[in-house]
């Protein structure tokens, strides 16, 4: 048996690492990670753009709460984690209902004429643009610098990260959780379930009711930059009907089919047919052919049934804390969600307000939780 911690965190993606770092100044924290590397799954494969209007009302509140930290990440980095990018939505006639729904209740979005959209991304096909809008304030997030900053903070306060430690069993006795791994046992009164796509499986192992979390695959491919174009200042540009999106990435163009295919939690990889279909849809919107794919990959985006993250103590097990279901919003909401997790675990009042905290609660009605 290893020395007891105050809090055990399962999962060393951005959710688990950021929460552990926020807790470490006031608690003894140990993070257990199944993989040999930190941030191996969703965190390391994120498109990593801060989009203020991305997600439902609760997620937009979390985006707003995270923005000041991302711009001035005290204790994590000496400089902003953000850099200018912009996000432009392009709608065909068929996409107009979704386009208008996205703009409803949004902040900082500017409608563009088709010509203005072409001025920003010259390869777009003019006749395929029925409407366009841009969020100028959308910005790239430096994922590695953010993750490494949280790791340094955690270790600075004597927190531990244990790699190659997949959970084999979880039991609770005398007010203490004990987690067995291949390299030993770890115990603490509080367990934070930040296991991403595996979060429901972890809960079931602990005798806690799963919440219906669904891991969904999202793929991406890297293609050469269009010949004769400097793409460095192009915004991320996306089909408003969620058919594809494209983003300049290290001198190349990253294209995603924007698919959400249900998968069992595992180290996912891109499906060649899905990539091909997504690239075909992209080609219908632009004037250039896709001649070569240089690299492709995939990651998991795990959602609760109402597509809102789950943050809070379980109703059916003392000391079991959910920090899961971040979906495609994990990087940009991590500052707010990690602070909320720390506040709730330490018994502090959250500045997010009751409406947001209640919307994230694992006991909420949308998860159909039945006590008893």
Protein backbone atom coordinates (compact mmCIF):
# COMPACT_ATOMS: atom_id res chain seq x y z
CA UNK A 1 0.00 0.00 0.00
CA UNK A 2 1.36 3.41 -1.01
CA UNK A 3 1.15 6.36 1.42
CA UNK A 4 -2.39 7.73 1.48
CA UNK A 5 -3.27 10.87 -0.47
CA UNK A 6 -6.04 13.36 0.18
CA UNK A 7 -7.28 13.07 -3.41
CA UNK A 8 -6.68 10.55 -6.19
CA UNK A 9 -7.25 11.68 -9.77
CA UNK A 10 -7.86 9.03 -12.43
CA UNK A 11 -6.66 10.28 -15.82
CA UNK A 12 -3.79 12.58 -16.82
CA UNK A 13 -5.44 14.42 -19.68
CA UNK A 14 -5.97 18.15 -19.42
CA UNK A 15 -9.06 17.66 -17.20
CA UNK A 16 -7.28 15.55 -14.59
CA UNK A 17 -3.96 17.39 -14.65
CA UNK A 18 -5.50 20.86 -14.40
CA UNK A 19 -7.79 19.83 -11.52
CA UNK A 20 -4.89 18.18 -9.71
CA UNK A 21 -2.76 21.31 -10.14
CA UNK A 22 -5.52 23.52 -8.73
CA UNK A 23 -5.94 21.22 -5.72
CA UNK A 24 -2.26 20.60 -4.99
CA UNK A 25 -1.56 23.80 -3.01
CA UNK A 26 -4.10 22.68 -0.38
CA UNK A 27 -4.20 18.88 -0.65
CA UNK A 28 -1.94 15.91 -1.23
CA UNK A 29 -2.83 14.82 -4.77
CA UNK A 30 -1.84 11.76 -6.78
CA UNK A 31 -2.76 11.34 -10.46
CA UNK A 32 -3.03 7.82 -11.88
CA UNK A 33 -2.58 7.49 -15.65
CA UNK A 34 -2.98 4.23 -17.58
CA UNK A 35 -0.67 5.29 -20.42
CA UNK A 36 3.11 5.80 -20.36
CA UNK A 37 2.61 9.40 -21.56
CA UNK A 38 0.60 12.29 -20.13
CA UNK A 39 -2.18 13.62 -22.38
CA UNK A 40 -1.89 10.68 -24.76
CA UNK A 41 -5.50 10.50 -25.97
CA UNK A 42 -7.87 13.46 -26.49
CA UNK A 43 -5.61 16.19 -25.08
CA UNK A 44 -2.73 15.47 -27.42
CA UNK A 45 -5.00 15.31 -30.49
CA UNK A 46 -7.06 18.46 -30.00
CA UNK A 47 -7.56 21.10 -32.70
CA UNK A 48 -7.13 23.51 -29.79
CA UNK A 49 -8.99 26.68 -30.71
CA UNK A 50 -10.70 28.95 -28.19
CA UNK A 51 -14.13 29.74 -29.65
CA UNK A 52 -16.24 31.80 -27.26
CA UNK A 53 -19.54 30.86 -28.94
CA UNK A 54 -18.82 27.12 -29.15
CA UNK A 55 -21.36 24.93 -27.35
CA UNK A 56 -24.60 25.40 -25.44
CA UNK A 57 -25.36 28.16 -22.92
CA UNK A 58 -23.55 26.38 -20.07
CA UNK A 59 -20.46 25.80 -22.18
CA UNK A 60 -20.46 29.41 -23.37
CA UNK A 61 -20.47 30.48 -19.70
CA UNK A 62 -17.48 28.21 -19.07
CA UNK A 63 -15.72 29.61 -22.14
CA UNK A 64 -16.20 33.14 -20.82
CA UNK A 65 -14.94 32.12 -17.37
CA UNK A 66 -11.83 30.47 -18.88
CA UNK A 67 -10.92 33.34 -21.23
CA UNK A 68 -9.14 35.62 -18.69
CA UNK A 69 -6.91 32.77 -17.52
CA UNK A 70 -6.01 31.68 -21.05
CA UNK A 71 -5.01 35.25 -21.84
CA UNK A 72 -3.04 35.70 -18.60
CA UNK A 73 -2.22 32.24 -17.18
CA UNK A 74 -0.63 33.24 -13.88
CA UNK A 75 1.26 30.35 -12.29
CA UNK A 76 1.15 28.35 -15.54
CA UNK A 77 2.95 30.47 -18.14
CA UNK A 78 4.57 33.90 -18.33
CA UNK A 79 2.72 34.76 -21.54
CA UNK A 80 -0.73 34.25 -23.04
CA UNK A 81 -1.69 30.75 -24.14
CA UNK A 82 -3.65 32.28 -27.02
CA UNK A 83 -2.65 33.54 -30.47
CA UNK A 84 -4.85 35.15 -33.16
CA UNK A 85 -6.77 32.87 -35.52
CA UNK A 86 -10.48 33.66 -36.04
CA UNK A 87 -13.25 31.21 -36.90
CA UNK A 88 -15.38 31.63 -40.02
CA UNK A 89 -18.62 29.71 -40.63
CA UNK A 90 -19.72 29.06 -44.20
CA UNK A 91 -23.32 28.02 -44.92
CA UNK A 92 -24.87 26.52 -48.03
CA UNK A 93 -28.61 26.96 -48.55
CA UNK A 94 -29.19 23.63 -46.77
CA UNK A 95 -27.11 24.79 -43.78
CA UNK A 96 -28.98 28.05 -43.14
CA UNK A 97 -31.17 26.75 -40.26
CA UNK A 98 -28.10 25.51 -38.35
CA UNK A 99 -26.21 28.68 -39.23
CA UNK A 100 -28.93 30.92 -37.82
CA UNK A 101 -29.31 28.72 -34.72
CA UNK A 102 -25.58 29.07 -34.03
CA UNK A 103 -25.73 32.85 -34.36
CA UNK A 104 -28.75 33.05 -32.04
CA UNK A 105 -27.51 34.22 -28.64
CA UNK A 106 -23.89 34.47 -29.78
CA UNK A 107 -21.51 37.30 -28.94
CA UNK A 108 -18.91 38.93 -31.15
CA UNK A 109 -19.95 37.24 -34.40
CA UNK A 110 -19.97 39.40 -37.53
CA UNK A 111 -21.95 38.47 -40.61
CA UNK A 112 -19.93 38.52 -43.84
CA UNK A 113 -20.85 38.82 -47.49
CA UNK A 114 -19.70 36.01 -49.79
CA UNK A 115 -17.02 38.34 -51.16
CA UNK A 116 -15.73 39.13 -47.68
CA UNK A 117 -15.50 35.40 -46.97
CA UNK A 118 -13.54 34.94 -50.21
CA UNK A 119 -11.20 37.78 -49.26
CA UNK A 120 -10.32 35.89 -46.07
CA UNK A 121 -10.05 32.41 -47.66
CA UNK A 122 -9.58 32.76 -51.45
CA UNK A 123 -9.98 29.04 -52.22
CA UNK A 124 -13.66 28.99 -51.26
CA UNK A 125 -16.17 28.33 -54.03
CA UNK A 126 -18.30 31.49 -54.41
CA UNK A 127 -21.48 29.72 -55.48
CA UNK A 128 -21.36 27.47 -52.40
CA UNK A 129 -21.63 30.41 -49.97
CA UNK A 130 -25.22 31.29 -49.03
CA UNK A 131 -24.15 33.01 -45.79
CA UNK A 132 -21.01 33.52 -43.72
CA UNK A 133 -19.99 34.89 -40.34
CA UNK A 134 -16.76 35.25 -38.40
CA UNK A 135 -15.74 35.28 -34.75
CA UNK A 136 -12.65 37.45 -34.94
CA UNK A 137 -11.72 36.72 -31.33
CA UNK A 138 -11.37 32.95 -31.82
CA UNK A 139 -7.76 32.06 -31.00
CA UNK A 140 -5.34 29.13 -31.13
CA UNK A 141 -4.53 27.54 -27.77
CA UNK A 142 -0.98 26.39 -27.06
CA UNK A 143 -1.94 22.94 -25.75
CA UNK A 144 1.53 21.72 -24.84
CA UNK A 145 2.49 24.88 -22.97
CA UNK A 146 -0.80 24.79 -21.08
CA UNK A 147 -0.46 21.12 -20.14
CA UNK A 148 3.19 21.44 -19.16
CA UNK A 149 2.41 24.52 -17.06
CA UNK A 150 -0.22 22.65 -15.07
CA UNK A 151 2.18 19.71 -14.64
CA UNK A 152 4.86 22.04 -13.25
CA UNK A 153 2.39 23.61 -10.84
CA UNK A 154 1.24 20.19 -9.64
CA UNK A 155 4.79 19.00 -9.03
CA UNK A 156 5.83 22.30 -7.47
CA UNK A 157 3.27 21.59 -4.76
CA UNK A 158 4.48 18.00 -4.36
CA UNK A 159 1.71 16.38 -6.34
CA UNK A 160 2.52 13.07 -8.05
CA UNK A 161 1.77 11.66 -11.49
CA UNK A 162 1.97 7.87 -11.73
CA UNK A 163 2.16 6.56 -15.30
CA UNK A 164 1.50 2.99 -16.46
CA UNK A 165 -1.08 2.66 -13.69
CA UNK A 166 -4.41 1.51 -15.22
CA UNK A 167 -7.16 0.99 -12.67
CA UNK A 168 -7.79 -2.69 -11.93
CA UNK A 169 -10.22 -2.33 -9.04
CA UNK A 170 -11.76 0.38 -6.85
CA UNK A 171 -13.14 -0.29 -3.39
CA UNK A 172 -14.28 1.88 -0.49
CA UNK A 173 -13.95 0.99 3.16
CA UNK A 174 -13.98 3.14 6.28
CA UNK A 175 -14.46 6.33 4.29
CA UNK A 176 -11.39 5.66 2.09
CA UNK A 177 -11.19 4.65 -1.57
CA UNK A 178 -8.50 2.14 -2.55
CA UNK A 179 -7.44 1.81 -6.18
CA UNK A 180 -5.46 -1.22 -7.26
CA UNK A 181 -3.10 -0.88 -10.25
CA UNK A 182 -0.43 -3.20 -11.69
CA UNK A 183 2.23 -1.21 -9.84
CA UNK A 184 0.56 -0.97 -6.46
CA UNK A 185 -2.39 0.29 -4.42
CA UNK A 186 -3.29 3.92 -3.80
CA UNK A 187 -5.85 5.31 -1.38
CA UNK A 188 -7.62 8.57 -0.57
CA UNK A 189 -10.99 9.76 0.80
CA UNK A 190 -11.80 11.43 -2.55
CA UNK A 191 -11.46 10.01 -6.07
CA UNK A 192 -11.82 12.29 -9.10
CA UNK A 193 -12.96 10.41 -12.18
CA UNK A 194 -11.28 12.27 -15.06
CA UNK A 195 -10.92 9.17 -17.22
CA UNK A 196 -12.36 10.63 -20.42
CA UNK A 197 -13.85 7.95 -22.65
CA UNK A 198 -13.34 5.40 -19.87
CA UNK A 199 -15.17 7.43 -17.17
CA UNK A 200 -18.32 5.28 -17.14
CA UNK A 201 -16.21 2.12 -16.96
CA UNK A 202 -14.29 3.54 -13.99
CA UNK A 203 -17.57 4.41 -12.27
CA UNK A 204 -18.92 0.89 -12.77
CA UNK A 205 -15.75 -0.55 -11.23
CA UNK A 206 -16.38 1.63 -8.18
CA UNK A 207 -20.01 0.53 -7.92
CA UNK A 208 -21.18 3.97 -9.05
CA UNK A 209 -24.03 4.32 -11.54
CA UNK A 210 -22.68 5.14 -15.05
CA UNK A 211 -24.11 8.29 -16.63
CA UNK A 212 -24.40 7.25 -20.28
CA UNK A 213 -21.23 8.97 -21.44
CA UNK A 214 -20.52 8.33 -25.13
CA UNK A 215 -17.03 8.40 -26.68
CA UNK A 216 -17.29 9.67 -30.26
CA UNK A 217 -14.48 9.52 -32.83
CA UNK A 218 -13.33 12.72 -34.53
CA UNK A 219 -10.75 12.40 -37.33
CA UNK A 220 -8.41 14.82 -39.06
CA UNK A 221 -6.02 14.82 -42.00
CA UNK A 222 -3.11 17.06 -42.89
CA UNK A 223 -2.76 18.15 -46.53
CA UNK A 224 -0.22 20.45 -48.20
CA UNK A 225 -1.03 24.16 -48.25
CA UNK A 226 -2.77 25.19 -51.50
CA UNK A 227 -0.10 26.16 -54.02
CA UNK A 228 0.39 29.90 -54.41
CA UNK A 229 -1.37 30.80 -51.14
CA UNK A 230 0.00 32.04 -47.83
CA UNK A 231 -2.39 30.39 -45.40
CA UNK A 232 -0.73 31.57 -42.18
CA UNK A 233 -3.33 34.31 -41.61
CA UNK A 234 -6.37 32.34 -42.68
CA UNK A 235 -8.99 31.74 -40.00
CA UNK A 236 -10.27 28.33 -39.11
CA UNK A 237 -13.11 27.93 -41.61
CA UNK A 238 -15.94 25.50 -41.21
CA UNK A 239 -19.15 24.30 -42.78
CA UNK A 240 -22.07 25.46 -40.62
CA UNK A 241 -23.76 22.08 -41.16
CA UNK A 242 -20.89 20.24 -39.43
CA UNK A 243 -19.76 18.55 -42.64
CA UNK A 244 -16.09 19.57 -42.35
CA UNK A 245 -13.75 22.19 -40.96
CA UNK A 246 -10.27 23.34 -41.95
CA UNK A 247 -7.48 25.04 -40.02
CA UNK A 248 -3.95 26.21 -40.91
CA UNK A 249 -1.53 24.05 -38.96
CA UNK A 250 2.26 24.48 -39.09
CA UNK A 251 2.26 25.49 -42.76
CA UNK A 252 -0.20 22.75 -43.75
CA UNK A 253 -3.98 22.62 -43.87
CA UNK A 254 -5.73 20.38 -41.37
CA UNK A 255 -9.10 19.08 -42.57
CA UNK A 256 -11.57 17.27 -40.32
CA UNK A 257 -14.66 15.40 -41.54
CA UNK A 258 -16.27 16.61 -38.27
CA UNK A 259 -17.72 13.13 -37.73
CA UNK A 260 -19.12 11.85 -34.45
CA UNK A 261 -18.98 8.07 -34.78
CA UNK A 262 -19.66 6.13 -31.55
CA UNK A 263 -16.69 3.97 -30.49
CA UNK A 264 -15.70 1.80 -27.60
CA UNK A 265 -13.02 3.63 -25.57
CA UNK A 266 -9.63 2.75 -27.02
CA UNK A 267 -6.60 4.31 -28.71
CA UNK A 268 -8.59 5.39 -31.76
CA UNK A 269 -7.26 5.80 -35.27
CA UNK A 270 -8.62 7.46 -38.41
CA UNK A 271 -10.85 5.48 -40.74
CA UNK A 272 -9.63 5.96 -44.33
CA UNK A 273 -13.18 5.93 -45.72
CA UNK A 274 -14.35 8.58 -43.24
CA UNK A 275 -11.35 10.76 -44.13
CA UNK A 276 -12.05 10.32 -47.85
CA UNK A 277 -15.72 11.24 -47.45
CA UNK A 278 -14.84 14.32 -45.41
CA UNK A 279 -12.24 15.46 -47.93
CA UNK A 280 -14.80 15.02 -50.70
CA UNK A 281 -17.26 17.28 -48.86
CA UNK A 282 -14.47 19.81 -48.35
CA UNK A 283 -13.64 19.74 -52.06
CA UNK A 284 -17.26 20.66 -52.91
CA UNK A 285 -16.76 23.92 -51.02
CA UNK A 286 -13.40 24.96 -52.48
CA UNK A 287 -11.75 25.46 -55.87
CA UNK A 288 -8.72 23.26 -55.25
CA UNK A 289 -8.41 19.46 -55.43
CA UNK A 290 -7.00 17.43 -52.55
CA UNK A 291 -4.09 15.58 -54.13
CA UNK A 292 -2.30 14.13 -51.13
CA UNK A 293 -2.87 13.32 -47.47
CA UNK A 294 0.37 13.65 -45.52
CA UNK A 295 -0.90 12.40 -42.18
CA UNK A 296 -4.17 11.43 -40.52
CA UNK A 297 -5.24 10.73 -36.94
CA UNK A 298 -8.28 10.54 -34.68
CA UNK A 299 -9.27 11.22 -31.11
CA UNK A 300 -12.20 10.62 -28.77
CA UNK A 301 -14.64 13.34 -27.75
CA UNK A 302 -16.76 12.06 -24.87
CA UNK A 303 -20.21 13.55 -24.26
CA UNK A 304 -22.93 13.21 -21.65
CA UNK A 305 -26.45 12.70 -23.07
CA UNK A 306 -27.16 16.46 -22.88
CA UNK A 307 -23.69 17.35 -24.27
CA UNK A 308 -22.80 19.27 -21.09
CA UNK A 309 -19.80 18.27 -18.93
CA UNK A 310 -20.38 16.41 -15.66
CA UNK A 311 -18.67 17.97 -12.65
CA UNK A 312 -19.52 17.18 -9.04
CA UNK A 313 -19.87 14.47 -6.40
CA UNK A 314 -21.88 11.39 -7.27
CA UNK A 315 -25.19 10.99 -5.45
CA UNK A 316 -24.70 7.26 -4.90
CA UNK A 317 -21.15 7.12 -3.51
CA UNK A 318 -19.45 9.34 -0.93
CA UNK A 319 -16.20 10.88 -2.12
CA UNK A 320 -16.60 9.90 -5.78
CA UNK A 321 -16.24 13.01 -7.96
CA UNK A 322 -17.15 13.21 -11.65
CA UNK A 323 -15.00 15.35 -13.98
CA UNK A 324 -15.99 14.00 -17.38
CA UNK A 325 -17.92 14.57 -20.59
CA UNK A 326 -15.94 17.58 -21.80
CA UNK A 327 -16.56 16.54 -25.40
CA UNK A 328 -14.79 18.83 -27.85
CA UNK A 329 -14.56 21.64 -25.32
CA UNK A 330 -11.93 20.24 -22.95
CA UNK A 331 -9.02 22.55 -23.70
CA UNK A 332 -10.96 25.79 -23.68
CA UNK A 333 -13.02 24.98 -20.58
CA UNK A 334 -10.22 23.37 -18.51
CA UNK A 335 -9.36 26.54 -16.57
CA UNK A 336 -12.96 27.04 -15.40
CA UNK A 337 -13.73 23.35 -14.81
CA UNK A 338 -10.50 22.68 -12.91
CA UNK A 339 -11.18 25.63 -10.62
CA UNK A 340 -14.75 24.43 -10.07
CA UNK A 341 -13.52 20.91 -9.28
CA UNK A 342 -11.07 22.31 -6.73
CA UNK A 343 -13.72 24.54 -5.18
CA UNK A 344 -16.22 21.69 -4.82
CA UNK A 345 -13.69 19.20 -3.47
CA UNK A 346 -12.43 21.72 -0.92
CA UNK A 347 -15.89 22.90 0.09
CA UNK A 348 -15.58 26.40 -1.34
CA UNK A 349 -18.23 28.50 -3.07
CA UNK A 350 -17.71 28.69 -6.83
CA UNK A 351 -17.74 32.07 -8.58
CA UNK A 352 -19.45 30.42 -11.57
CA UNK A 353 -22.85 30.81 -9.93
CA UNK A 354 -25.60 28.35 -9.06
CA UNK A 355 -27.12 28.07 -12.54
CA UNK A 356 -23.87 26.90 -14.16
CA UNK A 357 -22.87 24.65 -11.26
CA UNK A 358 -26.32 23.03 -11.22
CA UNK A 359 -26.19 22.48 -15.00
CA UNK A 360 -22.93 20.55 -14.55
CA UNK A 361 -24.07 18.51 -11.53
CA UNK A 362 -24.11 14.71 -12.07
CA UNK A 363 -27.47 14.63 -10.26
CA UNK A 364 -29.18 16.84 -12.86
CA UNK A 365 -32.48 15.75 -14.36
CA UNK A 366 -31.05 15.49 -17.88
CA UNK A 367 -29.02 12.47 -16.78
CA UNK A 368 -32.17 10.74 -15.47
CA UNK A 369 -30.57 9.99 -12.15
CA UNK A 370 -32.77 7.86 -9.91
CA UNK A 371 -31.75 7.74 -6.27
CA UNK A 372 -32.28 4.70 -4.14
